[in-house]
Amino acid sequence: QSDLDHIAGLAAVSYETLTAEGIILSGRLTGKIGEVLETRNIAASALREHPEVLNEVQRACLDPALAALERNAASGVFMILDASLNFATSSRAGLFLRNMEPNALNRSTPSVYYLRGPITIAREHNINVLPQWLMEFPVVEGDFFHRALAGADGSLPPSRAYYWNGAEILTGDYDKALLVCVPLITPDGAVLGVCGFEVNAILFKMQNLPDTSVFRRAAAVFAPVLPDGSLDTSMAMFSSSHTLNMDGKLSARDYRNGLSVFESSGRRYVGLAAPVRLYSKNAVHAGQYAMALLVPEADLTAYVAQRNGGITVLFVFLFLCAMGMAAFLSHRYLTPVLRGLEQIKQRGAEGFKPTNLQEIDDLLDFLAEQDGVRENERRELEQKLTKLGVVAEREIILPGREAYEDFLRNLATLTKAEREVFDLYTQGHRAKDMPKLLSRSANTIKTHNKRIYDKLHISSREELLGFMQMMKENDEVTADE
């Protein structure tokens, strides 16, 4: 899209400039022709009846034509008069000068050659003559010359009557070219002929060569747009590093991701097209042109496959790097932290081992120091209690009598499995011992515990111990009795 915008933008500016320069040239050539006819006292509308002045008219128009060619990025400049030395033949008098410099964009040293016009004028100005030279322009009904004059009736200025001719090979020439044709119209409305500029295939290719850094066979196509939206390649210009074989029509339809697929002669291309405006809104002639940037579909498919393969390899590489980095970070930082935490959970006679992480080792040292302080405090307290003959026991709060009787009634609702768990509690066992004693899973024991608490209407282990203490005391009284 970026490359197409660039090429289409340059083409629009270039052709708009040539249109404006063609209008200026038309005014200058009309003025020169008018001066010659005035000195000969010939009316402009009667130019056809005076072939004897045609050489003088052409000679007067040579310098303005040369100046225009040197000033603009064009491969040629021409003037065709609607007159001839011999009206019995299908030809028209005029001039055609061509810049044979391959890089016509460099206008500092143009290499001008003579293609059409009286040979005497070429010799007078030391202009080399091309092998394709002809005295006059061959014309046939319906060609670009007649199409250009079709919109010029003398009532409109050249700025509204100009005409862009699609790429075609002129009679007697060998290379396709675009032509901008501007009528030669005198102030009194007489139409003397047309003038304009040529953009041949070589110049077009140099001006619009697409970027081939990604797609070597990328091509730019500039063509008229047909009513069905396809491109008329029979009158198209091409800029490509390879030959494009097309059957005269390049049809387009949607492809994917905003691209279009173009088909011609059984070949498929993928690309984009953008309109290039050649005519102003009030121009007599009208026609849509478009610049398309194409690549063979096979090239695009191969490129996408290559990119996808590269992305897959890159993804795998990054994934492996991430796994390696994760392993390194785990070994370097996470493993010592986990080892230190495990030591905190399982500290004992062996003490703590250094982890080589300053923060973790400092934490372990602090915990070890705190453990030592608490151990000393515990020993001192045990010594004091021993001296006083006191055994530290957990205070158990006994429930009320009514609560106890309610507890005994609820005790009868326990299932056999729940009663086994309860009995182990009465024998002094803890919950962590029961899975092994009952050959049941810890989750099963937890379930029994919850149901025992719910059925006996107790909310804590301390409350359960209180009821068990009362049961023990009642059992002792009963035994004594």
Protein backbone atom coordinates (compact mmCIF):
# COMPACT_ATOMS: atom_id res chain seq x y z
CA GLN A 1 0.00 0.00 0.00
CA SER A 2 2.84 2.37 0.85
CA ASP A 3 4.63 1.64 -2.42
CA LEU A 4 1.40 2.04 -4.42
CA ASP A 5 0.58 5.35 -2.74
CA HIS A 6 4.07 6.57 -3.57
CA ILE A 7 3.99 5.52 -7.24
CA ALA A 8 0.40 6.64 -7.87
CA GLY A 9 1.08 9.97 -6.16
CA LEU A 10 4.16 10.64 -8.29
CA ALA A 11 2.28 9.68 -11.47
CA ALA A 12 -0.61 12.01 -10.63
CA VAL A 13 1.74 14.94 -10.00
CA SER A 14 3.85 14.19 -13.09
CA TYR A 15 0.88 13.93 -15.47
CA GLU A 16 -0.84 16.95 -13.98
CA THR A 17 2.37 18.89 -14.60
CA LEU A 18 2.57 17.67 -18.21
CA THR A 19 -1.06 18.70 -18.74
CA ALA A 20 -0.36 22.19 -17.47
CA GLU A 21 2.85 22.44 -19.54
CA GLY A 22 0.96 21.21 -22.60
CA ILE A 23 -1.61 23.98 -22.16
CA ILE A 24 1.22 26.53 -21.88
CA LEU A 25 2.92 25.07 -24.97
CA SER A 26 -0.37 25.27 -26.88
CA GLY A 27 -0.58 28.98 -26.19
CA ARG A 28 3.00 29.63 -27.29
CA LEU A 29 2.75 27.57 -30.49
CA THR A 30 -0.58 29.17 -31.38
CA GLY A 31 1.06 32.56 -30.95
CA LYS A 32 3.98 31.62 -33.22
CA ILE A 33 1.64 30.24 -35.89
CA GLY A 34 -0.48 33.37 -35.67
CA GLU A 35 2.57 35.59 -36.24
CA VAL A 36 3.53 33.69 -39.41
CA LEU A 37 0.00 33.75 -40.77
CA GLU A 38 -0.37 37.44 -39.97
CA THR A 39 2.79 38.34 -41.90
CA ARG A 40 1.43 36.35 -44.85
CA ASN A 41 -2.01 37.88 -44.43
CA ILE A 42 -3.58 34.44 -44.14
CA ALA A 43 -6.53 33.72 -41.87
CA ALA A 44 -5.96 30.97 -39.32
CA SER A 45 -9.02 29.12 -40.54
CA ALA A 46 -7.51 29.03 -44.05
CA LEU A 47 -4.27 27.27 -43.08
CA ARG A 48 -5.29 24.13 -44.95
CA GLU A 49 -5.51 26.07 -48.22
CA HIS A 50 -1.93 27.38 -47.91
CA PRO A 51 0.50 24.45 -47.71
CA GLU A 52 3.28 26.78 -48.89
CA VAL A 53 3.53 28.31 -45.39
CA LEU A 54 3.69 25.01 -43.49
CA ASN A 55 7.50 24.80 -43.48
CA GLU A 56 7.71 28.35 -42.17
CA VAL A 57 5.13 27.59 -39.49
CA GLN A 58 7.01 24.47 -38.39
CA ARG A 59 10.31 26.31 -38.34
CA ALA A 60 8.79 29.02 -36.10
CA CYS A 61 7.46 26.38 -33.68
CA LEU A 62 10.74 24.46 -33.29
CA ASP A 63 12.34 26.57 -30.57
CA PRO A 64 9.29 26.64 -28.24
CA ALA A 65 8.97 22.88 -28.68
CA LEU A 66 12.68 22.31 -27.88
CA ALA A 67 12.44 24.52 -24.80
CA ALA A 68 9.38 22.65 -23.56
CA LEU A 69 11.10 19.27 -24.03
CA GLU A 70 14.17 20.41 -22.12
CA ARG A 71 12.03 21.77 -19.28
CA ASN A 72 9.83 18.72 -18.68
CA ALA A 73 10.16 15.05 -17.74
CA ALA A 74 8.90 13.78 -21.09
CA SER A 75 10.35 11.48 -23.72
CA GLY A 76 9.06 13.62 -26.56
CA VAL A 77 7.19 16.74 -27.66
CA PHE A 78 5.00 17.03 -30.74
CA MET A 79 2.85 19.39 -32.79
CA ILE A 80 0.43 18.14 -35.43
CA LEU A 81 -1.24 20.65 -37.71
CA ASP A 82 -4.61 19.95 -39.27
CA ALA A 83 -2.99 20.60 -42.65
CA SER A 84 -0.75 18.78 -45.09
CA LEU A 85 1.51 19.38 -48.04
CA ASN A 86 -0.50 16.75 -49.88
CA PHE A 87 -4.08 16.21 -48.74
CA ALA A 88 -4.36 13.31 -51.12
CA THR A 89 -2.50 11.22 -48.52
CA SER A 90 -3.62 10.39 -44.98
CA SER A 91 -1.02 12.48 -43.21
CA ARG A 92 -0.64 15.75 -41.33
CA ALA A 93 2.27 18.17 -41.14
CA GLY A 94 4.00 18.78 -37.85
CA LEU A 95 7.02 18.24 -35.62
CA PHE A 96 8.03 15.43 -33.30
CA LEU A 97 11.18 15.77 -31.18
CA ARG A 98 12.27 12.89 -28.97
CA ASN A 99 14.72 12.84 -26.07
CA MET A 100 16.74 9.67 -26.52
CA GLU A 101 18.56 10.05 -23.20
CA PRO A 102 17.64 6.86 -21.26
CA ASN A 103 17.19 8.92 -18.11
CA ALA A 104 14.86 11.60 -19.39
CA LEU A 105 14.40 12.69 -15.79
CA ASN A 106 17.82 14.29 -16.06
CA ARG A 107 16.92 17.22 -18.26
CA SER A 108 20.27 19.03 -18.01
CA THR A 109 21.74 17.24 -21.05
CA PRO A 110 18.87 16.12 -23.31
CA SER A 111 19.75 14.05 -26.36
CA VAL A 112 17.17 15.37 -28.86
CA TYR A 113 16.41 13.51 -32.09
CA TYR A 114 14.13 14.33 -34.99
CA LEU A 115 11.21 11.95 -35.60
CA ARG A 116 8.68 13.95 -37.65
CA GLY A 117 8.92 17.15 -39.73
CA PRO A 118 10.73 18.66 -42.71
CA ILE A 119 14.27 17.31 -42.96
CA THR A 120 15.58 20.77 -43.83
CA ILE A 121 14.66 22.04 -40.36
CA ALA A 122 16.62 19.21 -38.73
CA ARG A 123 19.69 20.02 -40.81
CA GLU A 124 19.43 23.76 -40.11
CA HIS A 125 19.54 23.06 -36.35
CA ASN A 126 21.99 20.11 -36.45
CA ILE A 127 19.42 17.69 -34.98
CA ASN A 128 20.08 14.00 -35.51
CA VAL A 129 17.35 12.18 -37.42
CA LEU A 130 15.96 8.86 -36.21
CA PRO A 131 15.66 5.91 -38.60
CA GLN A 132 11.88 6.02 -38.08
CA TRP A 133 11.72 9.60 -39.41
CA LEU A 134 8.75 10.57 -41.55
CA MET A 135 7.98 13.85 -43.25
CA GLU A 136 4.45 13.98 -41.82
CA PHE A 137 2.33 12.15 -39.25
CA PRO A 138 0.35 9.20 -40.63
CA VAL A 139 -3.24 9.56 -39.43
CA VAL A 140 -6.30 7.36 -39.78
CA GLU A 141 -9.89 7.95 -38.85
CA GLY A 142 -10.48 7.34 -35.15
CA ASP A 143 -6.83 7.56 -34.04
CA PHE A 144 -5.57 9.75 -31.17
CA PHE A 145 -5.32 12.83 -33.43
CA HIS A 146 -8.98 12.68 -34.40
CA ARG A 147 -10.06 11.81 -30.83
CA ALA A 148 -8.17 14.82 -29.51
CA LEU A 149 -9.81 17.15 -32.04
CA ALA A 150 -13.26 15.68 -31.36
CA GLY A 151 -13.64 17.76 -28.23
CA ALA A 152 -12.14 20.95 -29.68
CA ASP A 153 -14.75 23.02 -31.51
CA GLY A 154 -13.17 26.39 -30.75
CA SER A 155 -15.75 27.37 -28.13
CA LEU A 156 -13.73 26.04 -25.21
CA PRO A 157 -10.20 26.93 -24.09
CA PRO A 158 -7.40 24.33 -24.33
CA SER A 159 -7.53 23.93 -20.53
CA ARG A 160 -10.87 22.15 -20.94
CA ALA A 161 -10.35 20.41 -24.27
CA TYR A 162 -7.10 18.48 -23.65
CA TYR A 163 -7.03 14.71 -24.12
CA TRP A 164 -4.93 11.88 -22.66
CA ASN A 165 -4.38 9.02 -25.06
CA GLY A 166 -3.78 5.59 -23.51
CA ALA A 167 -0.57 3.77 -24.30
CA GLU A 168 -0.30 2.67 -27.90
CA ILE A 169 2.30 2.44 -30.64
CA LEU A 170 2.11 5.34 -33.11
CA THR A 171 2.07 4.53 -36.79
CA GLY A 172 5.64 4.10 -37.99
CA ASP A 173 7.03 3.95 -34.44
CA TYR A 174 8.18 0.98 -32.37
CA ASP A 175 7.48 1.80 -28.73
CA LYS A 176 4.28 2.28 -26.73
CA ALA A 177 3.70 5.74 -25.33
CA LEU A 178 1.22 7.86 -23.41
CA LEU A 179 0.29 11.15 -25.10
CA VAL A 180 -1.24 14.27 -23.62
CA CYS A 181 -2.83 16.18 -26.52
CA VAL A 182 -3.82 19.85 -26.21
CA PRO A 183 -5.69 21.59 -29.07
CA LEU A 184 -4.11 24.58 -30.84
CA ILE A 185 -6.96 27.11 -30.66
CA THR A 186 -6.61 30.72 -31.83
CA PRO A 187 -8.35 33.60 -30.03
CA ASP A 188 -11.03 33.70 -32.73
CA GLY A 189 -11.82 29.99 -32.19
CA ALA A 190 -9.99 28.39 -35.11
CA VAL A 191 -8.62 24.92 -34.34
CA LEU A 192 -5.20 24.51 -35.99
CA GLY A 193 -4.26 21.08 -34.67
CA VAL A 194 -2.87 19.58 -31.43
CA CYS A 195 0.38 19.61 -29.49
CA GLY A 196 1.60 17.86 -26.39
CA PHE A 197 4.08 15.54 -24.73
CA GLU A 198 4.96 11.87 -24.97
CA VAL A 199 5.81 9.50 -22.10
CA ASN A 200 7.22 6.36 -23.67
CA ALA A 201 7.56 2.91 -22.10
CA ILE A 202 11.20 3.38 -21.05
CA LEU A 203 10.51 6.65 -19.24
CA PHE A 204 7.37 5.26 -17.60
CA LYS A 205 9.29 2.27 -16.31
CA MET A 206 12.04 4.47 -14.84
CA GLN A 207 9.51 6.81 -13.22
CA ASN A 208 7.34 4.09 -11.71
CA LEU A 209 9.59 1.14 -10.96
CA PRO A 210 8.17 -0.61 -7.87
CA ASP A 211 10.17 -1.72 -4.87
CA THR A 212 11.56 -5.20 -5.64
CA SER A 213 13.41 -5.75 -2.36
CA VAL A 214 10.67 -8.12 -1.13
CA PHE A 215 9.02 -9.29 -4.35
CA ARG A 216 11.48 -9.47 -7.22
CA ARG A 217 8.69 -9.75 -9.80
CA ALA A 218 6.57 -6.85 -8.54
CA ALA A 219 5.01 -4.81 -11.37
CA ALA A 220 3.28 -1.45 -11.74
CA VAL A 221 0.48 -1.20 -14.32
CA PHE A 222 -1.08 2.08 -15.46
CA ALA A 223 -4.20 1.59 -17.57
CA PRO A 224 -7.65 2.95 -18.43
CA VAL A 225 -10.49 1.57 -16.32
CA LEU A 226 -13.20 -0.24 -18.28
CA PRO A 227 -16.91 0.10 -17.37
CA ASP A 228 -16.87 -3.25 -15.53
CA GLY A 229 -14.01 -2.09 -13.33
CA SER A 230 -11.29 -4.12 -15.03
CA LEU A 231 -8.14 -2.58 -16.51
CA ASP A 232 -7.62 -2.22 -20.25
CA THR A 233 -4.12 -3.66 -20.63
CA SER A 234 -4.18 -3.14 -24.41
CA MET A 235 -3.57 0.56 -23.66
CA ALA A 236 -1.57 0.08 -20.46
CA MET A 237 1.96 1.01 -19.46
CA PHE A 238 4.05 -1.43 -17.44
CA SER A 239 6.97 -1.06 -15.09
CA SER A 240 8.46 -4.40 -14.18
CA SER A 241 11.71 -6.33 -14.20
CA HIS A 242 10.05 -9.16 -16.16
CA THR A 243 7.64 -9.48 -19.06
CA LEU A 244 3.91 -9.50 -18.31
CA ASN A 245 1.79 -11.45 -20.77
CA MET A 246 -1.78 -10.18 -20.64
CA ASP A 247 -4.70 -10.65 -23.04
CA GLY A 248 -5.93 -7.05 -23.07
CA LYS A 249 -8.03 -7.16 -19.91
CA LEU A 250 -7.02 -7.39 -16.27
CA SER A 251 -10.04 -8.26 -14.15
CA ALA A 252 -10.01 -7.73 -10.40
CA ARG A 253 -11.93 -9.09 -7.45
CA ASP A 254 -11.49 -9.19 -3.70
CA TYR A 255 -8.80 -11.50 -2.38
CA ARG A 256 -8.19 -11.23 1.39
CA ASN A 257 -6.72 -8.87 3.95
CA GLY A 258 -7.72 -5.90 1.81
CA LEU A 259 -5.89 -7.15 -1.29
CA SER A 260 -7.35 -7.92 -4.72
CA VAL A 261 -6.65 -10.76 -7.12
CA PHE A 262 -6.10 -9.78 -10.77
CA GLU A 263 -6.48 -12.27 -13.61
CA SER A 264 -5.42 -12.12 -17.25
CA SER A 265 -4.52 -14.84 -19.75
CA GLY A 266 -4.98 -17.46 -17.05
CA ARG A 267 -2.37 -15.84 -14.83
CA ARG A 268 -3.19 -14.64 -11.33
CA TYR A 269 -1.67 -11.66 -9.58
CA VAL A 270 -2.30 -10.23 -6.14
CA GLY A 271 -2.06 -6.55 -5.33
CA LEU A 272 -3.80 -3.20 -5.02
CA ALA A 273 -5.03 -0.50 -7.38
CA ALA A 274 -5.51 3.25 -6.90
CA PRO A 275 -7.19 5.79 -9.20
CA VAL A 276 -5.02 8.42 -10.92
CA ARG A 277 -6.93 11.49 -12.01
CA LEU A 278 -5.98 12.87 -15.42
CA TYR A 279 -8.91 15.16 -16.17
CA SER A 280 -10.35 18.13 -14.32
CA LYS A 281 -14.02 18.16 -13.41
CA ASN A 282 -15.01 20.54 -16.24
CA ALA A 283 -12.92 18.88 -18.94
CA VAL A 284 -14.63 17.85 -22.19
CA HIS A 285 -12.97 14.44 -22.25
CA ALA A 286 -13.42 12.04 -19.38
CA GLY A 287 -11.94 8.71 -18.50
CA GLN A 288 -10.77 6.85 -15.46
CA TYR A 289 -7.22 5.61 -15.11
CA ALA A 290 -5.73 3.49 -12.35
CA MET A 291 -2.29 2.50 -11.15
CA ALA A 292 -2.05 -1.11 -9.97
CA LEU A 293 0.82 -2.70 -8.07
CA LEU A 294 0.91 -6.47 -8.60
CA VAL A 295 2.92 -9.56 -7.68
CA PRO A 296 2.35 -13.07 -9.02
CA GLU A 297 0.15 -15.02 -6.63
CA ALA A 298 2.72 -17.82 -6.50
CA ASP A 299 5.35 -15.35 -5.26
CA LEU A 300 3.06 -14.10 -2.50
CA THR A 301 2.20 -17.63 -1.42
CA ALA A 302 5.89 -18.58 -1.26
CA TYR A 303 6.68 -15.40 0.68
CA VAL A 304 3.95 -16.03 3.26
CA ALA A 305 5.07 -19.64 3.71
CA GLN A 306 8.66 -18.51 4.20
CA ARG A 307 7.65 -15.85 6.71
CA ASN A 308 5.43 -18.29 8.62
CA GLY A 309 8.28 -20.79 8.75
CA GLY A 310 10.62 -18.11 10.06
CA ILE A 311 8.10 -17.02 12.66
CA THR A 312 7.64 -20.63 13.79
CA VAL A 313 11.38 -21.11 14.17
CA LEU A 314 11.63 -17.82 16.05
CA PHE A 315 8.77 -18.82 18.34
CA VAL A 316 10.39 -22.19 19.13
CA PHE A 317 13.70 -20.46 19.77
CA LEU A 318 12.10 -17.93 22.11
CA PHE A 319 10.18 -20.69 23.86
CA LEU A 320 13.38 -22.66 24.47
CA CYS A 321 15.11 -19.51 25.68
CA ALA A 322 12.22 -18.85 28.06
CA MET A 323 12.39 -22.41 29.38
CA GLY A 324 16.13 -22.14 29.88
CA MET A 325 15.79 -18.80 31.62
CA ALA A 326 13.03 -20.20 33.85
CA ALA A 327 15.24 -23.14 34.80
CA PHE A 328 18.16 -20.83 35.53
CA LEU A 329 16.09 -18.48 37.66
CA SER A 330 14.52 -21.40 39.48
CA HIS A 331 17.90 -22.92 40.25
CA ARG A 332 19.48 -19.60 41.10
CA TYR A 333 16.73 -18.03 43.18
CA LEU A 334 13.59 -20.12 43.69
CA THR A 335 15.20 -23.40 44.78
CA PRO A 336 17.24 -21.79 47.60
CA VAL A 337 14.15 -19.94 48.80
CA LEU A 338 12.07 -23.13 48.86
CA ARG A 339 14.90 -25.01 50.57
CA GLY A 340 15.10 -22.28 53.19
CA LEU A 341 11.36 -22.40 53.78
CA GLU A 342 11.50 -26.16 54.12
CA GLN A 343 14.22 -25.75 56.73
CA ILE A 344 12.00 -23.34 58.57
CA LYS A 345 9.24 -25.96 58.63
CA GLN A 346 11.54 -28.86 59.56
CA ARG A 347 14.18 -27.17 61.73
CA GLY A 348 15.62 -29.44 64.38
CA ALA A 349 18.85 -30.69 65.76
CA GLU A 350 20.65 -30.33 62.48
CA GLY A 351 20.04 -26.59 62.42
CA PHE A 352 19.85 -24.39 59.31
CA LYS A 353 22.08 -24.73 56.30
CA PRO A 354 23.23 -21.65 54.33
CA THR A 355 21.35 -21.02 51.06
CA ASN A 356 23.89 -18.54 49.62
CA LEU A 357 21.12 -15.96 49.39
CA GLN A 358 21.88 -13.14 51.79
CA GLU A 359 18.24 -12.27 52.54
CA ILE A 360 17.19 -15.90 53.20
CA ASP A 361 20.26 -16.64 55.31
CA ASP A 362 19.62 -13.51 57.40
CA LEU A 363 16.01 -14.65 57.91
CA LEU A 364 17.13 -18.13 58.98
CA ASP A 365 19.63 -16.69 61.42
CA PHE A 366 16.96 -14.44 62.91
CA LEU A 367 14.50 -17.35 63.30
CA ALA A 368 17.18 -19.52 64.86
CA GLU A 369 17.97 -16.75 67.31
CA GLN A 370 14.30 -16.33 68.19
CA ASP A 371 13.92 -20.09 68.64
CA GLY A 372 16.83 -20.04 71.07
CA VAL A 373 15.29 -17.23 73.09
CA ARG A 374 11.92 -19.00 73.33
CA GLU A 375 13.58 -22.32 74.22
CA ASN A 376 15.42 -20.64 77.09
CA GLU A 377 12.19 -19.00 78.29
CA ARG A 378 10.40 -22.39 78.19
CA ARG A 379 13.12 -24.10 80.21
CA GLU A 380 13.09 -21.35 82.83
CA LEU A 381 9.30 -21.64 83.16
CA GLU A 382 9.47 -25.45 83.51
CA GLN A 383 12.06 -25.07 86.24
CA LYS A 384 9.86 -22.65 88.15
CA LEU A 385 6.81 -24.88 87.83
CA THR A 386 8.79 -27.91 88.96
CA LYS A 387 9.89 -26.03 92.06
CA LEU A 388 6.30 -25.06 92.80
CA GLY A 389 5.06 -28.60 92.07
CA VAL A 390 2.64 -27.32 89.47
CA VAL A 391 1.93 -29.08 86.16
CA ALA A 392 0.75 -26.81 83.40
CA GLU A 393 -2.42 -28.11 82.00
CA ARG A 394 -4.79 -26.71 79.53
CA GLU A 395 -7.81 -25.14 81.17
CA ILE A 396 -10.95 -26.91 80.23
CA ILE A 397 -14.27 -25.13 80.75
CA LEU A 398 -17.01 -27.60 81.69
CA PRO A 399 -20.44 -27.01 80.10
CA GLY A 400 -23.71 -26.73 82.06
CA ARG A 401 -25.83 -29.69 83.11
CA GLU A 402 -28.60 -29.05 80.60
CA ALA A 403 -26.11 -28.74 77.78
CA TYR A 404 -24.53 -32.00 78.87
CA GLU A 405 -27.83 -33.86 78.89
CA ASP A 406 -28.59 -32.47 75.42
CA PHE A 407 -25.14 -33.64 74.36
CA LEU A 408 -25.85 -37.18 75.59
CA ARG A 409 -29.15 -37.31 73.67
CA ASN A 410 -27.42 -36.14 70.47
CA LEU A 411 -24.64 -38.67 70.99
CA ALA A 412 -27.13 -41.41 70.24
CA THR A 413 -27.64 -40.01 66.72
CA LEU A 414 -24.07 -40.75 65.64
CA THR A 415 -23.53 -43.46 63.09
CA LYS A 416 -21.26 -46.39 63.79
CA ALA A 417 -18.37 -44.82 61.85
CA GLU A 418 -18.87 -41.46 63.55
CA ARG A 419 -19.01 -43.16 66.96
CA GLU A 420 -15.68 -44.89 66.25
CA VAL A 421 -14.10 -41.50 65.59
CA PHE A 422 -15.72 -40.05 68.73
CA ASP A 423 -14.50 -42.94 70.88
CA LEU A 424 -10.94 -42.38 69.72
CA TYR A 425 -11.25 -38.76 70.83
CA THR A 426 -12.40 -39.94 74.27
CA GLN A 427 -9.33 -42.20 74.43
CA GLY A 428 -7.05 -39.19 73.95
CA HIS A 429 -6.17 -39.66 70.28
CA ARG A 430 -5.85 -36.69 67.94
CA ALA A 431 -7.34 -36.25 64.48
CA LYS A 432 -4.03 -36.82 62.71
CA ASP A 433 -3.75 -40.31 64.27
CA MET A 434 -7.19 -41.52 63.18
CA PRO A 435 -6.59 -42.26 59.44
CA LYS A 436 -4.00 -44.83 60.43
CA LEU A 437 -5.99 -46.24 63.36
CA LEU A 438 -9.22 -46.58 61.36
CA SER A 439 -7.61 -47.32 57.97
CA ARG A 440 -9.50 -44.43 56.39
CA SER A 441 -8.44 -41.37 54.45
CA ALA A 442 -7.86 -37.99 56.04
CA ASN A 443 -10.74 -36.53 53.99
CA THR A 444 -13.10 -39.20 55.39
CA ILE A 445 -12.02 -38.38 58.96
CA LYS A 446 -12.61 -34.67 58.26
CA THR A 447 -16.12 -35.47 57.02
CA HIS A 448 -16.87 -37.50 60.18
CA ASN A 449 -15.54 -34.68 62.34
CA LYS A 450 -17.85 -32.15 60.68
CA ARG A 451 -20.89 -34.38 61.11
CA ILE A 452 -20.00 -35.11 64.78
CA TYR A 453 -19.74 -31.39 65.48
CA ASP A 454 -23.04 -30.71 63.71
CA LYS A 455 -24.99 -33.52 65.42
CA LEU A 456 -23.62 -32.79 68.92
CA HIS A 457 -24.15 -29.02 68.48
CA ILE A 458 -20.59 -28.13 69.41
CA SER A 459 -18.43 -25.48 67.76
CA SER A 460 -14.88 -26.14 69.02
CA ARG A 461 -12.52 -28.80 70.15
CA GLU A 462 -12.38 -27.21 73.62
CA GLU A 463 -16.16 -27.58 73.97
CA LEU A 464 -15.87 -31.24 72.92
CA LEU A 465 -13.12 -31.81 75.50
CA GLY A 466 -15.38 -30.28 78.16
CA PHE A 467 -18.16 -32.76 77.43
CA MET A 468 -15.63 -35.61 77.39
CA GLN A 469 -14.32 -34.48 80.81
CA MET A 470 -17.86 -34.61 82.21
CA MET A 471 -18.38 -38.07 80.73
CA LYS A 472 -15.14 -39.23 82.34
CA GLU A 473 -16.12 -37.86 85.72
CA ASN A 474 -19.58 -39.49 85.51
CA ASP A 475 -17.99 -42.80 84.54
CA GLU A 476 -15.66 -42.57 87.56
CA VAL A 477 -18.60 -41.84 89.91
CA THR A 478 -20.55 -44.74 88.47
CA ALA A 479 -17.57 -47.02 88.91
CA ASP A 480 -17.14 -45.98 92.53
CA GLU A 481 -20.82 -46.62 93.27
